[in-house]
Amino acid sequence: MYSASSSINGQKDVRVQGQSSDLANRQDFGMSSLPKNLNGNDTVNDSQDREAMELYSRAKAQQEEILYLREQIALASVRESQLLNEKHGLEKKFSELRMALDEKQSEAIISASNELARRKGDLEENLRLVNELKDTEDDKYIFMSSMLGLLAEYGIFPRAASASSLTNNVKHLHDQLEMKIRTSHVSRLSEIQNTINAKNDQHHKFRFEEPFYVLSS
């Protein structure tokens, strides 16, 4: 793009320079011949002199304008080259910024996806813990209801349905039952021992009261 514009501008400069050179040559020729005609022809009146001077002024003004336009064209060409260079630099910078933006967007999308996955995992873990806690609370309720029912069968009614109160009352019931079992066991052993002693006494008494028979030969 830059080379094409430069070549077009160069062609324009050549054409303009050629046209301006031709015009300047014609004007120089007219101006060089003008004094000869003025000097050679004594019958030219003042109006012709003024017309010739006017033509000379116009030609000089046009030549100056051509030179000015050539300078403006050269400046415009330089400015166009600068603008093209700036355009190429901006396009390159825009491309780099676009690539950086795409990379940042990709990183942001990946980060957001990872964050959503992590939060989903946390929610699932929290849900699992909530379900486990509910099951634990249900088991606790069933256990405490069973313990309260068991204590109620033995006439024990805790003042508070707390873990410590249930533990103390169950321990107290255990001690009472253990004492009753020990007492019952001792009593049973005593009864058994008395029964055995009574049977032994009867057996000995029967042996002493049994008659003796003497066998004759």
Protein backbone atom coordinates (compact mmCIF):
# COMPACT_ATOMS: atom_id res chain seq x y z
CA MET A 1 0.00 0.00 0.00
CA TYR A 2 2.77 2.39 0.90
CA SER A 3 4.81 1.59 -2.25
CA ALA A 4 1.75 2.01 -4.52
CA SER A 5 0.93 5.38 -3.01
CA SER A 6 4.56 6.47 -3.30
CA SER A 7 4.68 5.50 -6.99
CA ILE A 8 1.41 7.32 -7.70
CA ASN A 9 2.66 10.39 -5.88
CA GLY A 10 5.95 10.19 -7.81
CA GLN A 11 4.10 10.05 -11.13
CA LYS A 12 2.00 13.02 -10.09
CA ASP A 13 5.13 14.94 -9.14
CA VAL A 14 6.76 14.14 -12.52
CA ARG A 15 3.68 15.26 -14.46
CA VAL A 16 3.33 18.41 -12.40
CA GLN A 17 7.01 19.14 -12.67
CA GLY A 18 6.89 18.60 -16.48
CA GLN A 19 3.86 20.82 -16.91
CA SER A 20 5.33 23.52 -14.71
CA SER A 21 8.62 23.33 -16.64
CA ASP A 22 6.82 23.73 -19.99
CA LEU A 23 4.79 26.64 -18.68
CA ALA A 24 7.86 28.26 -17.19
CA ASN A 25 9.76 27.84 -20.47
CA ARG A 26 6.90 29.44 -22.42
CA GLN A 27 6.71 32.28 -19.97
CA ASP A 28 10.47 32.76 -20.07
CA PHE A 29 10.30 32.80 -23.86
CA GLY A 30 7.53 35.38 -23.82
CA MET A 31 9.31 37.50 -21.27
CA SER A 32 12.60 37.29 -23.17
CA SER A 33 10.91 38.30 -26.43
CA LEU A 34 8.86 41.03 -24.84
CA PRO A 35 11.65 43.58 -24.39
CA LYS A 36 12.79 43.04 -28.00
CA ASN A 37 9.31 43.76 -29.29
CA LEU A 38 9.06 46.77 -27.01
CA ASN A 39 12.51 48.02 -27.97
CA GLY A 40 12.16 47.21 -31.68
CA ASN A 41 8.71 48.70 -32.23
CA ASP A 42 8.60 52.48 -31.53
CA THR A 43 4.92 52.73 -32.52
CA VAL A 44 3.61 50.57 -29.56
CA ASN A 45 1.44 52.76 -27.41
CA ASP A 46 1.16 52.90 -23.66
CA SER A 47 -1.78 50.48 -23.52
CA GLN A 48 0.27 47.79 -25.15
CA ASP A 49 3.06 48.45 -22.66
CA ARG A 50 0.65 48.05 -19.77
CA GLU A 51 -0.77 44.86 -21.29
CA ALA A 52 2.70 43.47 -21.69
CA MET A 53 3.61 44.33 -18.12
CA GLU A 54 0.36 42.78 -16.94
CA LEU A 55 1.10 39.59 -18.82
CA TYR A 56 4.58 39.56 -17.35
CA SER A 57 3.17 40.01 -13.83
CA ARG A 58 0.64 37.24 -14.40
CA ALA A 59 3.30 34.90 -15.69
CA LYS A 60 5.54 35.66 -12.74
CA ALA A 61 2.66 35.15 -10.32
CA GLN A 62 1.75 31.86 -11.96
CA GLN A 63 5.36 30.73 -11.77
CA GLU A 64 5.45 31.57 -8.07
CA GLU A 65 2.15 29.77 -7.58
CA ILE A 66 3.52 26.74 -9.40
CA LEU A 67 6.56 26.73 -7.17
CA TYR A 68 4.34 27.06 -4.10
CA LEU A 69 2.12 24.22 -5.28
CA ARG A 70 5.16 22.04 -5.92
CA GLU A 71 6.33 22.71 -2.36
CA GLN A 72 2.86 21.88 -1.02
CA ILE A 73 2.81 18.65 -3.04
CA ALA A 74 6.22 17.68 -1.67
CA LEU A 75 5.08 18.45 1.89
CA ALA A 76 1.86 16.52 1.31
CA SER A 77 3.86 13.56 0.02
CA VAL A 78 6.08 13.62 3.11
CA ARG A 79 3.04 13.96 5.34
CA GLU A 80 1.35 11.07 3.55
CA SER A 81 4.41 8.90 4.13
CA GLN A 82 4.40 9.83 7.81
CA LEU A 83 0.70 9.05 8.08
CA LEU A 84 1.19 5.70 6.37
CA ASN A 85 4.00 4.85 8.78
CA GLU A 86 1.83 5.89 11.71
CA LYS A 87 -1.04 3.85 10.30
CA HIS A 88 1.17 0.77 9.99
CA GLY A 89 2.43 1.31 13.55
CA LEU A 90 -1.11 1.70 14.88
CA GLU A 91 -2.28 -1.39 12.99
CA LYS A 92 0.60 -3.39 14.47
CA LYS A 93 -0.13 -2.08 17.96
CA PHE A 94 -3.84 -2.79 17.52
CA SER A 95 -3.04 -6.34 16.43
CA GLU A 96 -0.83 -6.84 19.49
CA LEU A 97 -3.50 -5.38 21.77
CA ARG A 98 -6.10 -7.62 20.15
CA MET A 99 -3.96 -10.69 20.74
CA ALA A 100 -3.32 -9.66 24.34
CA LEU A 101 -7.05 -9.04 24.83
CA ASP A 102 -7.94 -12.44 23.39
CA GLU A 103 -5.37 -14.07 25.66
CA LYS A 104 -6.74 -12.22 28.71
CA GLN A 105 -10.27 -13.19 27.77
CA SER A 106 -9.24 -16.83 27.42
CA GLU A 107 -7.52 -16.71 30.81
CA ALA A 108 -10.58 -15.05 32.34
CA ILE A 109 -12.89 -17.70 30.87
CA ILE A 110 -10.67 -20.53 32.12
CA SER A 111 -10.42 -18.91 35.57
CA ALA A 112 -14.18 -18.42 35.71
CA SER A 113 -14.76 -22.04 34.66
CA ASN A 114 -12.36 -23.28 37.34
CA GLU A 115 -14.05 -21.06 39.93
CA LEU A 116 -17.49 -22.37 38.95
CA ALA A 117 -16.22 -25.95 39.14
CA ARG A 118 -14.73 -25.28 42.59
CA ARG A 119 -17.93 -23.68 43.82
CA LYS A 120 -19.94 -26.57 42.43
CA GLY A 121 -17.70 -28.98 44.31
CA ASP A 122 -18.12 -26.93 47.50
CA LEU A 123 -21.90 -26.92 47.09
CA GLU A 124 -21.98 -30.66 46.53
CA GLU A 125 -19.74 -31.19 49.59
CA ASN A 126 -21.94 -28.90 51.69
CA LEU A 127 -25.04 -30.76 50.52
CA ARG A 128 -23.43 -34.08 51.43
CA LEU A 129 -22.50 -32.76 54.88
CA VAL A 130 -26.02 -31.40 55.39
CA ASN A 131 -27.48 -34.81 54.52
CA GLU A 132 -25.04 -36.55 56.85
CA LEU A 133 -25.87 -34.08 59.61
CA LYS A 134 -29.58 -34.69 59.06
CA ASP A 135 -29.03 -38.43 59.27
CA THR A 136 -26.99 -37.93 62.44
CA GLU A 137 -29.69 -35.75 63.96
CA ASP A 138 -32.29 -38.37 63.07
CA ASP A 139 -30.19 -41.11 64.67
CA LYS A 140 -29.64 -38.91 67.71
CA TYR A 141 -33.38 -38.27 68.02
CA ILE A 142 -34.15 -41.98 67.73
CA PHE A 143 -31.45 -42.87 70.27
CA MET A 144 -32.58 -40.22 72.77
CA SER A 145 -36.22 -41.23 72.34
CA SER A 146 -35.26 -44.84 73.00
CA MET A 147 -33.23 -43.88 76.07
CA LEU A 148 -36.05 -41.71 77.43
CA GLY A 149 -38.50 -44.57 76.86
CA LEU A 150 -36.16 -47.02 78.59
CA LEU A 151 -35.68 -44.71 81.58
CA ALA A 152 -39.43 -44.11 81.74
CA GLU A 153 -40.00 -47.89 82.09
CA TYR A 154 -37.95 -47.78 85.30
CA GLY A 155 -39.63 -44.62 86.54
CA ILE A 156 -36.76 -42.28 85.70
CA PHE A 157 -37.69 -39.00 84.01
CA PRO A 158 -34.75 -36.70 83.27
CA ARG A 159 -35.33 -32.99 83.78
CA ALA A 160 -33.63 -32.14 80.47
CA ALA A 161 -33.32 -34.20 77.31
CA SER A 162 -29.62 -33.49 76.96
CA ALA A 163 -26.71 -35.82 76.39
CA SER A 164 -25.22 -35.24 79.83
CA SER A 165 -28.56 -35.72 81.60
CA LEU A 166 -29.25 -38.93 79.71
CA THR A 167 -25.75 -40.20 80.44
CA ASN A 168 -26.08 -39.57 84.16
CA ASN A 169 -29.52 -41.16 84.37
CA VAL A 170 -28.48 -44.17 82.32
CA LYS A 171 -25.42 -44.60 84.55
CA HIS A 172 -27.64 -44.36 87.62
CA LEU A 173 -30.03 -46.96 86.15
CA HIS A 174 -27.08 -49.18 85.31
CA ASP A 175 -25.83 -48.99 88.88
CA GLN A 176 -29.29 -49.79 90.23
CA LEU A 177 -29.74 -52.73 87.89
CA GLU A 178 -26.26 -53.99 88.66
CA MET A 179 -27.00 -53.78 92.38
CA LYS A 180 -30.29 -55.62 91.91
CA ILE A 181 -28.55 -58.29 89.83
CA ARG A 182 -25.88 -58.74 92.45
CA THR A 183 -28.45 -58.88 95.24
CA SER A 184 -30.59 -61.30 93.26
CA HIS A 185 -27.55 -63.40 92.47
CA VAL A 186 -26.47 -63.55 96.09
CA SER A 187 -30.00 -64.38 97.15
CA ARG A 188 -30.25 -67.07 94.54
CA LEU A 189 -26.93 -68.55 95.55
CA SER A 190 -28.07 -68.50 99.16
CA GLU A 191 -31.30 -70.30 98.26
CA ILE A 192 -29.39 -72.87 96.22
CA GLN A 193 -26.92 -73.37 99.07
CA ASN A 194 -29.78 -73.76 101.56
CA THR A 195 -31.45 -76.27 99.29
CA ILE A 196 -28.24 -78.24 98.94
CA ASN A 197 -27.68 -78.18 102.67
CA ALA A 198 -31.24 -79.33 103.31
CA LYS A 199 -30.86 -82.22 100.88
CA ASN A 200 -27.57 -83.24 102.52
CA ASP A 201 -29.17 -83.18 105.93
CA GLN A 202 -32.03 -85.37 104.74
CA HIS A 203 -29.60 -87.80 103.13
CA HIS A 204 -27.56 -88.19 106.31
CA LYS A 205 -30.67 -88.59 108.41
CA PHE A 206 -31.96 -91.32 106.12
CA ARG A 207 -28.73 -93.23 106.39
CA PHE A 208 -28.73 -93.15 110.19
CA GLU A 209 -32.39 -94.28 110.45
CA GLU A 210 -31.98 -97.24 108.01
CA PRO A 211 -32.07 -100.73 109.88
CA PHE A 212 -29.07 -103.05 109.88
CA TYR A 213 -29.55 -106.64 108.79
CA VAL A 214 -27.10 -109.42 109.91
CA LEU A 215 -26.63 -112.19 107.46
CA SER A 216 -26.26 -115.70 108.97
CA SER A 217 -23.86 -118.20 107.56
